[in-house]
Amino acid sequence: MTQLRESSPTICFARANNIIAGTTPGGAGGNDIIYFELNDAEAGGDAAVNESSLTEFFDAFSVTNNGTQDIDLSIELPAAISGVAFTLASERAAAAPTDLASQNYTLAAGSSISVDLQVDTTTAGGYVQPTGGTPYQITIRAISL
């Protein structure tokens, strides 16, 4: 699950991905919780994470800065999660696209970006499902500059 903090940009999901992603009320500061259901049962059998592969969900969500100031955008992952990247869709063809989990991105006032989700299960130390049925929680940070 994802929680929005600090500033409140708009987070939207691409129509093609509404099977794997959505929102529910109850997040920190009155914000919605964003969720990704990445298993066969939830995704209808065709949109889940594949074993021993790099699974990509193009345009998983978009972020719009509705404010009057630029924001510093980043995604905070828990220490227990690995093999997950949230990259800029506009850099999809780049050898090393900006990963919001390891790099901040300045989003200008009134601008939007689309974000891809990548889950890598190809290597030791790659993505592992959370234990005990408790989902991983990440935080999308949008801090005014």
N, C-alpha and C. Protein backbone atom coordinates (compact mmCIF):
# COMPACT_ATOMS: atom_id res chain seq x y z
N MET A 1 0.83 -1.16 0.00
CA MET A 1 0.00 0.00 0.00
C MET A 1 0.89 1.23 0.00
N THR A 2 0.37 2.30 -0.53
CA THR A 2 1.13 3.53 -0.65
C THR A 2 0.38 4.65 0.05
N GLN A 3 1.13 5.49 0.74
CA GLN A 3 0.51 6.62 1.39
C GLN A 3 1.14 7.90 0.86
N LEU A 4 0.32 8.92 0.67
CA LEU A 4 0.76 10.21 0.17
C LEU A 4 0.99 11.14 1.35
N ARG A 5 2.14 11.83 1.38
CA ARG A 5 2.46 12.72 2.50
C ARG A 5 3.03 14.04 2.03
N GLU A 6 3.22 14.93 2.96
CA GLU A 6 3.90 16.21 2.82
C GLU A 6 3.10 17.21 2.01
N SER A 7 3.00 17.06 0.72
CA SER A 7 2.24 17.92 -0.16
C SER A 7 1.18 17.00 -0.77
N SER A 8 0.21 17.51 -1.46
CA SER A 8 -0.83 16.64 -2.00
C SER A 8 -0.99 16.78 -3.51
N PRO A 9 -0.06 16.23 -4.28
CA PRO A 9 -0.28 16.20 -5.72
C PRO A 9 -1.40 15.20 -6.03
N THR A 10 -1.91 15.24 -7.22
CA THR A 10 -2.92 14.29 -7.63
C THR A 10 -2.25 13.03 -8.15
N ILE A 11 -2.72 11.87 -7.70
CA ILE A 11 -2.22 10.58 -8.18
C ILE A 11 -3.36 9.94 -8.96
N CYS A 12 -3.11 9.57 -10.21
CA CYS A 12 -4.13 8.97 -11.06
C CYS A 12 -3.60 7.67 -11.65
N PHE A 13 -4.50 6.74 -11.93
CA PHE A 13 -4.12 5.46 -12.51
C PHE A 13 -4.55 5.40 -13.96
N ALA A 14 -3.70 4.80 -14.79
CA ALA A 14 -4.04 4.61 -16.19
C ALA A 14 -5.21 3.65 -16.29
N ARG A 15 -6.13 3.89 -17.19
CA ARG A 15 -7.30 3.02 -17.35
C ARG A 15 -6.91 1.56 -17.59
N ALA A 16 -5.87 1.35 -18.34
CA ALA A 16 -5.47 -0.02 -18.65
C ALA A 16 -5.03 -0.78 -17.41
N ASN A 17 -4.63 -0.07 -16.36
CA ASN A 17 -4.13 -0.73 -15.17
C ASN A 17 -5.12 -0.73 -14.02
N ASN A 18 -6.39 -0.38 -14.26
CA ASN A 18 -7.31 -0.32 -13.13
C ASN A 18 -7.61 -1.69 -12.54
N ILE A 19 -7.16 -2.76 -13.19
CA ILE A 19 -7.31 -4.09 -12.62
C ILE A 19 -6.30 -4.30 -11.50
N ILE A 20 -5.09 -3.76 -11.65
CA ILE A 20 -4.04 -4.03 -10.68
C ILE A 20 -3.85 -2.92 -9.66
N ALA A 21 -4.49 -1.78 -9.83
CA ALA A 21 -4.24 -0.66 -8.93
C ALA A 21 -5.53 0.10 -8.64
N GLY A 22 -5.53 0.75 -7.49
CA GLY A 22 -6.68 1.57 -7.12
C GLY A 22 -6.40 2.31 -5.84
N THR A 23 -7.42 2.93 -5.29
CA THR A 23 -7.28 3.66 -4.03
C THR A 23 -8.38 3.25 -3.07
N THR A 24 -8.09 3.44 -1.80
CA THR A 24 -9.07 3.20 -0.75
C THR A 24 -8.83 4.25 0.34
N PRO A 25 -9.86 4.72 1.03
CA PRO A 25 -9.65 5.73 2.08
C PRO A 25 -8.90 5.15 3.27
N GLY A 26 -8.35 6.05 4.10
CA GLY A 26 -7.77 5.62 5.36
C GLY A 26 -6.28 5.80 5.51
N GLY A 27 -5.66 6.55 4.60
CA GLY A 27 -4.22 6.77 4.69
C GLY A 27 -3.86 7.87 5.67
N ALA A 28 -2.57 8.07 5.84
CA ALA A 28 -2.06 9.09 6.75
C ALA A 28 -2.54 10.47 6.35
N GLY A 29 -2.87 11.29 7.30
CA GLY A 29 -3.27 12.66 7.05
C GLY A 29 -4.56 12.79 6.25
N GLY A 30 -5.40 11.75 6.27
CA GLY A 30 -6.66 11.80 5.52
C GLY A 30 -6.50 11.50 4.04
N ASN A 31 -5.30 11.14 3.60
CA ASN A 31 -5.08 10.80 2.20
C ASN A 31 -5.52 9.37 1.91
N ASP A 32 -5.77 9.09 0.65
CA ASP A 32 -6.13 7.73 0.25
C ASP A 32 -4.91 6.83 0.27
N ILE A 33 -5.15 5.54 0.40
CA ILE A 33 -4.12 4.52 0.27
C ILE A 33 -4.19 4.00 -1.16
N ILE A 34 -3.04 3.97 -1.82
CA ILE A 34 -2.94 3.43 -3.18
C ILE A 34 -2.51 1.98 -3.04
N TYR A 35 -3.15 1.08 -3.77
CA TYR A 35 -2.75 -0.32 -3.67
C TYR A 35 -2.50 -0.91 -5.04
N PHE A 36 -1.62 -1.90 -5.06
CA PHE A 36 -1.35 -2.71 -6.25
C PHE A 36 -1.61 -4.15 -5.88
N GLU A 37 -2.48 -4.82 -6.62
CA GLU A 37 -2.76 -6.24 -6.41
C GLU A 37 -2.02 -6.99 -7.51
N LEU A 38 -0.91 -7.60 -7.16
CA LEU A 38 -0.05 -8.21 -8.17
C LEU A 38 -0.03 -9.72 -8.05
N ASN A 39 -1.20 -10.32 -7.97
CA ASN A 39 -1.25 -11.79 -7.97
C ASN A 39 -2.32 -12.25 -8.94
N ASP A 40 -2.24 -13.50 -9.36
CA ASP A 40 -3.15 -14.03 -10.38
C ASP A 40 -4.62 -13.90 -10.01
N ALA A 41 -4.95 -14.17 -8.75
CA ALA A 41 -6.35 -14.13 -8.34
C ALA A 41 -6.94 -12.74 -8.49
N GLU A 42 -6.18 -11.72 -8.09
CA GLU A 42 -6.68 -10.34 -8.16
C GLU A 42 -6.61 -9.77 -9.57
N ALA A 43 -5.61 -10.18 -10.33
CA ALA A 43 -5.37 -9.58 -11.64
C ALA A 43 -6.02 -10.34 -12.78
N GLY A 44 -6.84 -11.33 -12.47
CA GLY A 44 -7.53 -12.06 -13.52
C GLY A 44 -6.62 -13.03 -14.26
N GLY A 45 -5.48 -13.38 -13.67
CA GLY A 45 -4.62 -14.39 -14.25
C GLY A 45 -3.65 -13.90 -15.30
N ASP A 46 -3.71 -12.62 -15.71
CA ASP A 46 -2.84 -12.20 -16.80
C ASP A 46 -2.02 -10.96 -16.49
N ALA A 47 -2.04 -10.47 -15.28
CA ALA A 47 -1.31 -9.24 -14.98
C ALA A 47 -0.47 -9.38 -13.72
N ALA A 48 -0.15 -10.60 -13.34
CA ALA A 48 0.60 -10.82 -12.10
C ALA A 48 2.10 -10.76 -12.36
N VAL A 49 2.87 -10.78 -11.28
CA VAL A 49 4.33 -10.80 -11.36
C VAL A 49 4.76 -12.20 -11.78
N ASN A 50 5.64 -12.27 -12.77
CA ASN A 50 6.15 -13.55 -13.25
C ASN A 50 7.39 -13.94 -12.46
N GLU A 51 7.57 -15.24 -12.24
CA GLU A 51 8.76 -15.73 -11.55
C GLU A 51 9.95 -15.69 -12.49
N SER A 52 11.13 -15.44 -11.94
CA SER A 52 12.39 -15.42 -12.69
C SER A 52 12.33 -14.52 -13.92
N SER A 53 11.77 -13.32 -13.74
CA SER A 53 11.64 -12.40 -14.87
C SER A 53 11.55 -10.96 -14.37
N LEU A 54 11.62 -10.04 -15.31
CA LEU A 54 11.39 -8.64 -15.04
C LEU A 54 9.98 -8.33 -15.54
N THR A 55 9.08 -8.01 -14.62
CA THR A 55 7.70 -7.69 -14.97
C THR A 55 7.53 -6.19 -14.92
N GLU A 56 7.01 -5.61 -15.99
CA GLU A 56 6.84 -4.16 -16.07
C GLU A 56 5.37 -3.81 -16.25
N PHE A 57 4.93 -2.83 -15.49
CA PHE A 57 3.58 -2.29 -15.62
C PHE A 57 3.74 -0.84 -16.09
N PHE A 58 3.57 -0.63 -17.40
CA PHE A 58 3.74 0.70 -17.98
C PHE A 58 2.60 1.61 -17.52
N ASP A 59 2.95 2.88 -17.23
CA ASP A 59 1.97 3.89 -16.84
C ASP A 59 1.10 3.41 -15.67
N ALA A 60 1.75 2.86 -14.66
CA ALA A 60 1.02 2.34 -13.48
C ALA A 60 0.22 3.45 -12.80
N PHE A 61 0.81 4.65 -12.72
CA PHE A 61 0.09 5.80 -12.19
C PHE A 61 0.76 7.07 -12.67
N SER A 62 0.06 8.18 -12.51
CA SER A 62 0.64 9.47 -12.86
C SER A 62 0.57 10.38 -11.64
N VAL A 63 1.46 11.36 -11.62
CA VAL A 63 1.49 12.34 -10.54
C VAL A 63 1.39 13.72 -11.17
N THR A 64 0.47 14.54 -10.67
CA THR A 64 0.30 15.91 -11.15
C THR A 64 0.53 16.87 -10.00
N ASN A 65 1.37 17.87 -10.24
CA ASN A 65 1.62 18.90 -9.23
C ASN A 65 0.58 20.00 -9.43
N ASN A 66 -0.43 20.04 -8.57
CA ASN A 66 -1.50 21.04 -8.66
C ASN A 66 -1.15 22.34 -7.95
N GLY A 67 0.02 22.38 -7.32
CA GLY A 67 0.41 23.55 -6.54
C GLY A 67 1.01 24.65 -7.38
N THR A 68 1.47 25.68 -6.70
CA THR A 68 2.08 26.83 -7.37
C THR A 68 3.60 26.81 -7.25
N GLN A 69 4.14 25.82 -6.53
CA GLN A 69 5.58 25.68 -6.36
C GLN A 69 6.03 24.33 -6.93
N ASP A 70 7.29 24.27 -7.37
CA ASP A 70 7.86 22.99 -7.78
C ASP A 70 7.91 22.08 -6.56
N ILE A 71 7.87 20.77 -6.81
CA ILE A 71 7.97 19.80 -5.71
C ILE A 71 9.12 18.84 -5.98
N ASP A 72 9.68 18.34 -4.89
CA ASP A 72 10.70 17.31 -4.93
C ASP A 72 9.97 15.99 -4.70
N LEU A 73 9.91 15.15 -5.72
CA LEU A 73 9.13 13.92 -5.68
C LEU A 73 10.04 12.72 -5.49
N SER A 74 9.67 11.82 -4.57
CA SER A 74 10.43 10.60 -4.36
C SER A 74 9.50 9.53 -3.80
N ILE A 75 9.98 8.29 -3.83
CA ILE A 75 9.23 7.17 -3.27
C ILE A 75 10.12 6.47 -2.26
N GLU A 76 9.60 6.30 -1.05
CA GLU A 76 10.34 5.65 0.02
C GLU A 76 9.86 4.20 0.15
N LEU A 77 10.81 3.27 0.01
CA LEU A 77 10.50 1.85 0.14
C LEU A 77 10.97 1.34 1.50
N PRO A 78 10.29 0.35 2.08
CA PRO A 78 10.79 -0.23 3.33
C PRO A 78 12.08 -1.00 3.07
N ALA A 79 12.90 -1.13 4.10
CA ALA A 79 14.19 -1.83 3.96
C ALA A 79 14.01 -3.28 3.52
N ALA A 80 12.89 -3.89 3.84
CA ALA A 80 12.67 -5.30 3.54
C ALA A 80 12.37 -5.58 2.06
N ILE A 81 12.10 -4.55 1.28
CA ILE A 81 11.72 -4.77 -0.11
C ILE A 81 12.91 -4.51 -1.03
N SER A 82 13.07 -5.37 -2.01
CA SER A 82 14.09 -5.18 -3.03
C SER A 82 13.52 -5.65 -4.36
N GLY A 83 14.19 -5.30 -5.45
CA GLY A 83 13.74 -5.73 -6.76
C GLY A 83 12.55 -4.96 -7.29
N VAL A 84 12.26 -3.80 -6.71
CA VAL A 84 11.13 -2.98 -7.15
C VAL A 84 11.65 -1.60 -7.56
N ALA A 85 11.18 -1.12 -8.71
CA ALA A 85 11.57 0.22 -9.18
C ALA A 85 10.34 0.95 -9.68
N PHE A 86 10.28 2.24 -9.41
CA PHE A 86 9.24 3.13 -9.92
C PHE A 86 9.96 4.14 -10.81
N THR A 87 9.89 3.93 -12.12
CA THR A 87 10.67 4.73 -13.07
C THR A 87 9.79 5.67 -13.88
N LEU A 88 10.41 6.74 -14.39
CA LEU A 88 9.68 7.69 -15.21
C LEU A 88 9.36 7.07 -16.56
N ALA A 89 8.09 7.08 -16.93
CA ALA A 89 7.67 6.49 -18.20
C ALA A 89 8.32 7.20 -19.38
N SER A 90 8.58 8.50 -19.25
CA SER A 90 9.18 9.26 -20.33
C SER A 90 10.62 8.84 -20.61
N GLU A 91 11.22 8.10 -19.68
CA GLU A 91 12.60 7.63 -19.83
C GLU A 91 12.66 6.12 -20.07
N ARG A 92 11.55 5.54 -20.47
CA ARG A 92 11.44 4.09 -20.63
C ARG A 92 12.54 3.52 -21.53
N ALA A 93 12.92 4.22 -22.58
CA ALA A 93 13.93 3.72 -23.53
C ALA A 93 15.36 3.96 -23.05
N ALA A 94 15.54 4.71 -21.98
CA ALA A 94 16.88 5.02 -21.48
C ALA A 94 17.51 3.78 -20.84
N ALA A 95 18.82 3.71 -20.89
CA ALA A 95 19.54 2.59 -20.27
C ALA A 95 19.34 2.57 -18.76
N ALA A 96 19.27 3.75 -18.16
CA ALA A 96 19.10 3.86 -16.71
C ALA A 96 18.06 4.94 -16.40
N PRO A 97 16.76 4.62 -16.54
CA PRO A 97 15.74 5.64 -16.26
C PRO A 97 15.74 6.04 -14.77
N THR A 98 15.28 7.24 -14.50
CA THR A 98 15.19 7.73 -13.12
C THR A 98 14.28 6.81 -12.32
N ASP A 99 14.79 6.29 -11.22
CA ASP A 99 14.03 5.45 -10.30
C ASP A 99 13.69 6.30 -9.09
N LEU A 100 12.41 6.61 -8.93
CA LEU A 100 11.98 7.48 -7.84
C LEU A 100 12.25 6.90 -6.46
N ALA A 101 12.56 5.61 -6.39
CA ALA A 101 12.89 4.99 -5.11
C ALA A 101 14.34 5.26 -4.71
N SER A 102 15.16 5.71 -5.66
CA SER A 102 16.56 5.98 -5.33
C SER A 102 17.01 7.38 -5.74
N GLN A 103 16.17 8.11 -6.48
CA GLN A 103 16.52 9.45 -6.92
C GLN A 103 15.30 10.36 -6.76
N ASN A 104 15.53 11.59 -6.37
CA ASN A 104 14.46 12.58 -6.32
C ASN A 104 14.25 13.14 -7.72
N TYR A 105 13.04 13.62 -7.97
CA TYR A 105 12.70 14.22 -9.26
C TYR A 105 11.97 15.53 -8.99
N THR A 106 12.40 16.61 -9.64
CA THR A 106 11.72 17.89 -9.48
C THR A 106 10.57 17.97 -10.47
N LEU A 107 9.36 18.10 -9.94
CA LEU A 107 8.16 18.21 -10.77
C LEU A 107 7.67 19.65 -10.68
N ALA A 108 7.68 20.34 -11.81
CA ALA A 108 7.29 21.75 -11.87
C ALA A 108 5.81 21.92 -11.57
N ALA A 109 5.46 23.08 -11.05
CA ALA A 109 4.05 23.41 -10.78
C ALA A 109 3.25 23.27 -12.07
N GLY A 110 2.10 22.61 -11.97
CA GLY A 110 1.24 22.42 -13.13
C GLY A 110 1.64 21.29 -14.06
N SER A 111 2.73 20.60 -13.76
CA SER A 111 3.21 19.51 -14.62
C SER A 111 2.77 18.15 -14.11
N SER A 112 2.84 17.16 -15.01
CA SER A 112 2.50 15.78 -14.68
C SER A 112 3.58 14.84 -15.18
N ILE A 113 3.73 13.70 -14.51
CA ILE A 113 4.58 12.63 -15.01
C ILE A 113 3.82 11.31 -14.89
N SER A 114 4.18 10.38 -15.73
CA SER A 114 3.65 9.03 -15.66
C SER A 114 4.75 8.13 -15.12
N VAL A 115 4.38 7.17 -14.26
CA VAL A 115 5.35 6.32 -13.59
C VAL A 115 5.08 4.85 -13.94
N ASP A 116 6.17 4.15 -14.30
CA ASP A 116 6.11 2.71 -14.56
C ASP A 116 6.51 1.97 -13.29
N LEU A 117 5.97 0.78 -13.08
CA LEU A 117 6.35 -0.09 -11.97
C LEU A 117 7.08 -1.29 -12.55
N GLN A 118 8.27 -1.59 -12.02
CA GLN A 118 9.04 -2.77 -12.43
C GLN A 118 9.27 -3.65 -11.22
N VAL A 119 9.06 -4.96 -11.39
CA VAL A 119 9.30 -5.93 -10.34
C VAL A 119 10.26 -6.99 -10.90
N ASP A 120 11.44 -7.08 -10.30
CA ASP A 120 12.50 -7.97 -10.78
C ASP A 120 12.63 -9.18 -9.87
N THR A 121 12.34 -10.36 -10.40
CA THR A 121 12.48 -11.61 -9.64
C THR A 121 13.56 -12.50 -10.26
N THR A 122 14.47 -11.89 -11.03
CA THR A 122 15.46 -12.69 -11.77
C THR A 122 16.69 -13.05 -10.97
N THR A 123 16.99 -12.35 -9.90
CA THR A 123 18.25 -12.58 -9.19
C THR A 123 18.02 -12.84 -7.71
N ALA A 124 19.04 -13.43 -7.09
CA ALA A 124 19.01 -13.56 -5.63
C ALA A 124 18.97 -12.14 -5.07
N GLY A 125 18.16 -11.92 -4.09
CA GLY A 125 18.01 -10.58 -3.54
C GLY A 125 16.99 -9.76 -4.29
N GLY A 126 16.31 -10.35 -5.28
CA GLY A 126 15.26 -9.66 -6.01
C GLY A 126 13.98 -9.63 -5.19
N TYR A 127 12.88 -9.30 -5.82
CA TYR A 127 11.60 -9.15 -5.13
C TYR A 127 11.17 -10.47 -4.48
N VAL A 128 10.70 -10.35 -3.25
CA VAL A 128 10.14 -11.48 -2.52
C VAL A 128 8.80 -11.03 -1.95
N GLN A 129 7.79 -11.88 -2.07
CA GLN A 129 6.46 -11.55 -1.55
C GLN A 129 6.55 -11.33 -0.04
N PRO A 130 5.77 -10.38 0.49
CA PRO A 130 5.78 -10.17 1.94
C PRO A 130 5.25 -11.39 2.67
N THR A 131 5.76 -11.61 3.87
CA THR A 131 5.33 -12.76 4.65
C THR A 131 4.11 -12.40 5.48
N GLY A 132 3.34 -13.39 5.82
CA GLY A 132 2.21 -13.21 6.72
C GLY A 132 1.03 -12.47 6.12
N GLY A 133 1.02 -12.25 4.81
CA GLY A 133 -0.11 -11.60 4.17
C GLY A 133 -0.18 -10.09 4.37
N THR A 134 0.79 -9.51 5.09
CA THR A 134 0.81 -8.06 5.30
C THR A 134 1.51 -7.42 4.11
N PRO A 135 0.86 -6.51 3.40
CA PRO A 135 1.49 -5.90 2.22
C PRO A 135 2.62 -4.96 2.61
N TYR A 136 3.55 -4.79 1.67
CA TYR A 136 4.57 -3.77 1.86
C TYR A 136 3.91 -2.40 1.81
N GLN A 137 4.43 -1.46 2.55
CA GLN A 137 3.95 -0.09 2.48
C GLN A 137 5.06 0.81 2.00
N ILE A 138 4.75 1.63 1.02
CA ILE A 138 5.71 2.61 0.51
C ILE A 138 5.10 3.99 0.70
N THR A 139 5.94 5.00 0.63
CA THR A 139 5.46 6.37 0.80
C THR A 139 5.87 7.20 -0.40
N ILE A 140 4.92 7.89 -1.01
CA ILE A 140 5.21 8.85 -2.06
C ILE A 140 5.37 10.20 -1.39
N ARG A 141 6.55 10.78 -1.53
CA ARG A 141 6.83 12.08 -0.90
C ARG A 141 6.82 13.17 -1.97
N ALA A 142 6.11 14.23 -1.70
CA ALA A 142 6.06 15.40 -2.55
C ALA A 142 6.28 16.61 -1.66
N ILE A 143 7.49 17.13 -1.67
CA ILE A 143 7.85 18.23 -0.77
C ILE A 143 8.06 19.50 -1.59
N SER A 144 7.38 20.57 -1.22
CA SER A 144 7.52 21.85 -1.91
C SER A 144 8.95 22.36 -1.82
N LEU A 145 9.44 22.90 -2.94
CA LEU A 145 10.80 23.46 -2.96
C LEU A 145 10.77 24.95 -2.68
